[in-house]
Amino acid sequence: MYLLLGLIGATIGGMTAKRRKGRTADIAQYAAVYGILFTLIGLLLTILLERVLM
């Protein structure tokens, strides 16, 4: 689950930077930051779901 959210986040980050007319380094940085952020959110959701369902 968190891997999928990380990929979605990286895509959203890249598209956001591209829409703001960023350079290649900007696009890569946005994609990395959004990917990490969404991955952490997915990890927390996974842990919470495991705790609630167990």
PDB file of N, CA and C in Angstrom:
ATOM      1  N   MET A   1       0.821  -1.182   0.000  1.00  0.00           N
ATOM      2  CA  MET A   1       0.000   0.000   0.000  1.00  0.00           C
ATOM      3  C   MET A   1       0.875   1.259   0.000  1.00  0.00           C
ATOM      4  N   TYR A   2       1.892   1.265   0.848  1.00  0.00           N
ATOM      5  CA  TYR A   2       2.718   2.464   0.919  1.00  0.00           C
ATOM      6  C   TYR A   2       3.577   2.637  -0.329  1.00  0.00           C
ATOM      7  N   LEU A   3       3.936   1.546  -0.978  1.00  0.00           N
ATOM      8  CA  LEU A   3       4.705   1.664  -2.211  1.00  0.00           C
ATOM      9  C   LEU A   3       3.864   2.305  -3.307  1.00  0.00           C
ATOM     10  N   LEU A   4       2.622   1.889  -3.406  1.00  0.00           N
ATOM     11  CA  LEU A   4       1.718   2.447  -4.407  1.00  0.00           C
ATOM     12  C   LEU A   4       1.502   3.935  -4.155  1.00  0.00           C
ATOM     13  N   LEU A   5       1.293   4.312  -2.897  1.00  0.00           N
ATOM     14  CA  LEU A   5       1.119   5.727  -2.584  1.00  0.00           C
ATOM     15  C   LEU A   5       2.386   6.523  -2.875  1.00  0.00           C
ATOM     16  N   GLY A   6       3.543   5.924  -2.674  1.00  0.00           N
ATOM     17  CA  GLY A   6       4.799   6.599  -2.986  1.00  0.00           C
ATOM     18  C   GLY A   6       4.929   6.894  -4.474  1.00  0.00           C
ATOM     19  N   LEU A   7       4.539   5.947  -5.296  1.00  0.00           N
ATOM     20  CA  LEU A   7       4.582   6.163  -6.748  1.00  0.00           C
ATOM     21  C   LEU A   7       3.578   7.222  -7.184  1.00  0.00           C
ATOM     22  N   ILE A   8       2.404   7.195  -6.583  1.00  0.00           N
ATOM     23  CA  ILE A   8       1.392   8.209  -6.890  1.00  0.00           C
ATOM     24  C   ILE A   8       1.897   9.589  -6.461  1.00  0.00           C
ATOM     25  N   GLY A   9       2.496   9.657  -5.284  1.00  0.00           N
ATOM     26  CA  GLY A   9       3.038  10.922  -4.798  1.00  0.00           C
ATOM     27  C   GLY A   9       4.145  11.462  -5.691  1.00  0.00           C
ATOM     28  N   ALA A  10       5.023  10.578  -6.144  1.00  0.00           N
ATOM     29  CA  ALA A  10       6.104  11.008  -7.033  1.00  0.00           C
ATOM     30  C   ALA A  10       5.543  11.545  -8.347  1.00  0.00           C
ATOM     31  N   THR A  11       4.512  10.913  -8.839  1.00  0.00           N
ATOM     32  CA  THR A  11       3.876  11.382 -10.074  1.00  0.00           C
ATOM     33  C   THR A  11       3.231  12.743  -9.875  1.00  0.00           C
ATOM     34  N   ILE A  12       2.516  12.894  -8.775  1.00  0.00           N
ATOM     35  CA  ILE A  12       1.879  14.180  -8.486  1.00  0.00           C
ATOM     36  C   ILE A  12       2.930  15.274  -8.307  1.00  0.00           C
ATOM     37  N   GLY A  13       4.009  14.963  -7.599  1.00  0.00           N
ATOM     38  CA  GLY A  13       5.076  15.940  -7.398  1.00  0.00           C
ATOM     39  C   GLY A  13       5.733  16.358  -8.699  1.00  0.00           C
ATOM     40  N   GLY A  14       6.000  15.395  -9.551  1.00  0.00           N
ATOM     41  CA  GLY A  14       6.599  15.716 -10.847  1.00  0.00           C
ATOM     42  C   GLY A  14       5.687  16.567 -11.708  1.00  0.00           C
ATOM     43  N   MET A  15       4.406  16.229 -11.697  1.00  0.00           N
ATOM     44  CA  MET A  15       3.448  17.010 -12.487  1.00  0.00           C
ATOM     45  C   MET A  15       3.292  18.419 -11.927  1.00  0.00           C
ATOM     46  N   THR A  16       3.336  18.551 -10.605  1.00  0.00           N
ATOM     47  CA  THR A  16       3.230  19.869  -9.977  1.00  0.00           C
ATOM     48  C   THR A  16       4.405  20.755 -10.380  1.00  0.00           C
ATOM     49  N   ALA A  17       5.607  20.215 -10.305  1.00  0.00           N
ATOM     50  CA  ALA A  17       6.791  20.999 -10.674  1.00  0.00           C
ATOM     51  C   ALA A  17       6.785  21.346 -12.155  1.00  0.00           C
ATOM     52  N   LYS A  18       6.339  20.418 -12.975  1.00  0.00           N
ATOM     53  CA  LYS A  18       6.299  20.681 -14.413  1.00  0.00           C
ATOM     54  C   LYS A  18       5.266  21.764 -14.730  1.00  0.00           C
ATOM     55  N   ARG A  19       4.139  21.730 -14.030  1.00  0.00           N
ATOM     56  CA  ARG A  19       3.104  22.735 -14.235  1.00  0.00           C
ATOM     57  C   ARG A  19       3.586  24.121 -13.826  1.00  0.00           C
ATOM     58  N   ARG A  20       4.477  24.165 -12.828  1.00  0.00           N
ATOM     59  CA  ARG A  20       5.042  25.439 -12.377  1.00  0.00           C
ATOM     60  C   ARG A  20       6.260  25.837 -13.194  1.00  0.00           C
ATOM     61  N   LYS A  21       6.487  25.135 -14.288  1.00  0.00           N
ATOM     62  CA  LYS A  21       7.584  25.405 -15.222  1.00  0.00           C
ATOM     63  C   LYS A  21       8.960  25.274 -14.562  1.00  0.00           C
ATOM     64  N   GLY A  22       9.129  24.213 -13.775  1.00  0.00           N
ATOM     65  CA  GLY A  22      10.407  23.968 -13.110  1.00  0.00           C
ATOM     66  C   GLY A  22      11.406  23.305 -14.041  1.00  0.00           C
ATOM     67  N   ARG A  23      12.654  23.441 -13.699  1.00  0.00           N
ATOM     68  CA  ARG A  23      13.711  22.774 -14.448  1.00  0.00           C
ATOM     69  C   ARG A  23      13.734  21.298 -14.071  1.00  0.00           C
ATOM     70  N   THR A  24      14.628  20.553 -14.701  1.00  0.00           N
ATOM     71  CA  THR A  24      14.712  19.112 -14.465  1.00  0.00           C
ATOM     72  C   THR A  24      15.029  18.801 -13.001  1.00  0.00           C
ATOM     73  N   ALA A  25      15.929  19.555 -12.410  1.00  0.00           N
ATOM     74  CA  ALA A  25      16.276  19.328 -11.004  1.00  0.00           C
ATOM     75  C   ALA A  25      15.090  19.630 -10.091  1.00  0.00           C
ATOM     76  N   ASP A  26      14.305  20.648 -10.425  1.00  0.00           N
ATOM     77  CA  ASP A  26      13.117  20.973  -9.640  1.00  0.00           C
ATOM     78  C   ASP A  26      12.100  19.846  -9.708  1.00  0.00           C
ATOM     79  N   ILE A  27      11.902  19.323 -10.897  1.00  0.00           N
ATOM     80  CA  ILE A  27      10.951  18.230 -11.088  1.00  0.00           C
ATOM     81  C   ILE A  27      11.385  17.005 -10.297  1.00  0.00           C
ATOM     82  N   ALA A  28      12.678  16.692 -10.338  1.00  0.00           N
ATOM     83  CA  ALA A  28      13.194  15.538  -9.592  1.00  0.00           C
ATOM     84  C   ALA A  28      13.048  15.744  -8.084  1.00  0.00           C
ATOM     85  N   GLN A  29      13.307  16.955  -7.618  1.00  0.00           N
ATOM     86  CA  GLN A  29      13.198  17.225  -6.188  1.00  0.00           C
ATOM     87  C   GLN A  29      11.745  17.142  -5.730  1.00  0.00           C
ATOM     88  N   TYR A  30      10.835  17.735  -6.463  1.00  0.00           N
ATOM     89  CA  TYR A  30       9.418  17.655  -6.110  1.00  0.00           C
ATOM     90  C   TYR A  30       8.947  16.206  -6.107  1.00  0.00           C
ATOM     91  N   ALA A  31       9.354  15.449  -7.120  1.00  0.00           N
ATOM     92  CA  ALA A  31       8.941  14.042  -7.201  1.00  0.00           C
ATOM     93  C   ALA A  31       9.472  13.257  -6.002  1.00  0.00           C
ATOM     94  N   ALA A  32      10.712  13.514  -5.610  1.00  0.00           N
ATOM     95  CA  ALA A  32      11.295  12.802  -4.473  1.00  0.00           C
ATOM     96  C   ALA A  32      10.593  13.167  -3.170  1.00  0.00           C
ATOM     97  N   VAL A  33      10.360  14.446  -2.956  1.00  0.00           N
ATOM     98  CA  VAL A  33       9.738  14.892  -1.712  1.00  0.00           C
ATOM     99  C   VAL A  33       8.309  14.391  -1.614  1.00  0.00           C
ATOM    100  N   TYR A  34       7.537  14.535  -2.668  1.00  0.00           N
ATOM    101  CA  TYR A  34       6.163  14.048  -2.653  1.00  0.00           C
ATOM    102  C   TYR A  34       6.128  12.530  -2.510  1.00  0.00           C
ATOM    103  N   GLY A  35       7.057  11.841  -3.171  1.00  0.00           N
ATOM    104  CA  GLY A  35       7.112  10.391  -3.054  1.00  0.00           C
ATOM    105  C   GLY A  35       7.391   9.948  -1.629  1.00  0.00           C
ATOM    106  N   ILE A  36       8.357  10.593  -0.976  1.00  0.00           N
ATOM    107  CA  ILE A  36       8.678  10.254   0.410  1.00  0.00           C
ATOM    108  C   ILE A  36       7.499  10.572   1.325  1.00  0.00           C
ATOM    109  N   LEU A  37       6.889  11.731   1.137  1.00  0.00           N
ATOM    110  CA  LEU A  37       5.763  12.137   1.972  1.00  0.00           C
ATOM    111  C   LEU A  37       4.596  11.158   1.846  1.00  0.00           C
ATOM    112  N   PHE A  38       4.225  10.813   0.628  1.00  0.00           N
ATOM    113  CA  PHE A  38       3.113   9.898   0.415  1.00  0.00           C
ATOM    114  C   PHE A  38       3.454   8.489   0.908  1.00  0.00           C
ATOM    115  N   THR A  39       4.713   8.092   0.793  1.00  0.00           N
ATOM    116  CA  THR A  39       5.127   6.786   1.303  1.00  0.00           C
ATOM    117  C   THR A  39       4.981   6.730   2.823  1.00  0.00           C
ATOM    118  N   LEU A  40       5.394   7.790   3.508  1.00  0.00           N
ATOM    119  CA  LEU A  40       5.246   7.832   4.961  1.00  0.00           C
ATOM    120  C   LEU A  40       3.778   7.815   5.381  1.00  0.00           C
ATOM    121  N   ILE A  41       2.944   8.535   4.654  1.00  0.00           N
ATOM    122  CA  ILE A  41       1.506   8.517   4.939  1.00  0.00           C
ATOM    123  C   ILE A  41       0.951   7.112   4.731  1.00  0.00           C
ATOM    124  N   GLY A  42       1.351   6.462   3.647  1.00  0.00           N
ATOM    125  CA  GLY A  42       0.902   5.092   3.393  1.00  0.00           C
ATOM    126  C   GLY A  42       1.388   4.120   4.452  1.00  0.00           C
ATOM    127  N   LEU A  43       2.611   4.307   4.921  1.00  0.00           N
ATOM    128  CA  LEU A  43       3.149   3.448   5.980  1.00  0.00           C
ATOM    129  C   LEU A  43       2.350   3.617   7.269  1.00  0.00           C
ATOM    130  N   LEU A  44       2.056   4.856   7.622  1.00  0.00           N
ATOM    131  CA  LEU A  44       1.257   5.114   8.818  1.00  0.00           C
ATOM    132  C   LEU A  44      -0.148   4.520   8.687  1.00  0.00           C
ATOM    133  N   LEU A  45      -0.749   4.660   7.516  1.00  0.00           N
ATOM    134  CA  LEU A  45      -2.076   4.066   7.295  1.00  0.00           C
ATOM    135  C   LEU A  45      -2.027   2.546   7.398  1.00  0.00           C
ATOM    136  N   THR A  46      -0.986   1.952   6.869  1.00  0.00           N
ATOM    137  CA  THR A  46      -0.834   0.499   6.945  1.00  0.00           C
ATOM    138  C   THR A  46      -0.700   0.046   8.402  1.00  0.00           C
ATOM    139  N   ILE A  47       0.110   0.750   9.172  1.00  0.00           N
ATOM    140  CA  ILE A  47       0.286   0.401  10.587  1.00  0.00           C
ATOM    141  C   ILE A  47      -1.028   0.564  11.343  1.00  0.00           C
ATOM    142  N   LEU A  48      -1.738   1.669  11.102  1.00  0.00           N
ATOM    143  CA  LEU A  48      -3.010   1.878  11.776  1.00  0.00           C
ATOM    144  C   LEU A  48      -4.031   0.804  11.412  1.00  0.00           C
ATOM    145  N   LEU A  49      -4.095   0.435  10.155  1.00  0.00           N
ATOM    146  CA  LEU A  49      -5.026  -0.612   9.738  1.00  0.00           C
ATOM    147  C   LEU A  49      -4.682  -1.947  10.381  1.00  0.00           C
ATOM    148  N   GLU A  50      -3.410  -2.254  10.463  1.00  0.00           N
ATOM    149  CA  GLU A  50      -2.986  -3.501  11.103  1.00  0.00           C
ATOM    150  C   GLU A  50      -3.357  -3.515  12.587  1.00  0.00           C
ATOM    151  N   ARG A  51      -3.177  -2.386  13.247  1.00  0.00           N
ATOM    152  CA  ARG A  51      -3.503  -2.291  14.673  1.00  0.00           C
ATOM    153  C   ARG A  51      -5.006  -2.408  14.904  1.00  0.00           C
ATOM    154  N   VAL A  52      -5.789  -1.780  14.058  1.00  0.00           N
ATOM    155  CA  VAL A  52      -7.237  -1.776  14.223  1.00  0.00           C
ATOM    156  C   VAL A  52      -7.824  -3.147  13.898  1.00  0.00           C
ATOM    157  N   LEU A  53      -7.323  -3.797  12.864  1.00  0.00           N
ATOM    158  CA  LEU A  53      -7.890  -5.068  12.433  1.00  0.00           C
ATOM    159  C   LEU A  53      -7.405  -6.254  13.241  1.00  0.00           C
ATOM    160  N   MET A  54      -6.330  -6.105  13.986  1.00  0.00           N
ATOM    161  CA  MET A  54      -5.802  -7.229  14.769  1.00  0.00           C
ATOM    162  C   MET A  54      -6.348  -7.253  16.144  1.00  0.00           C
TER     163      MET A  54
END
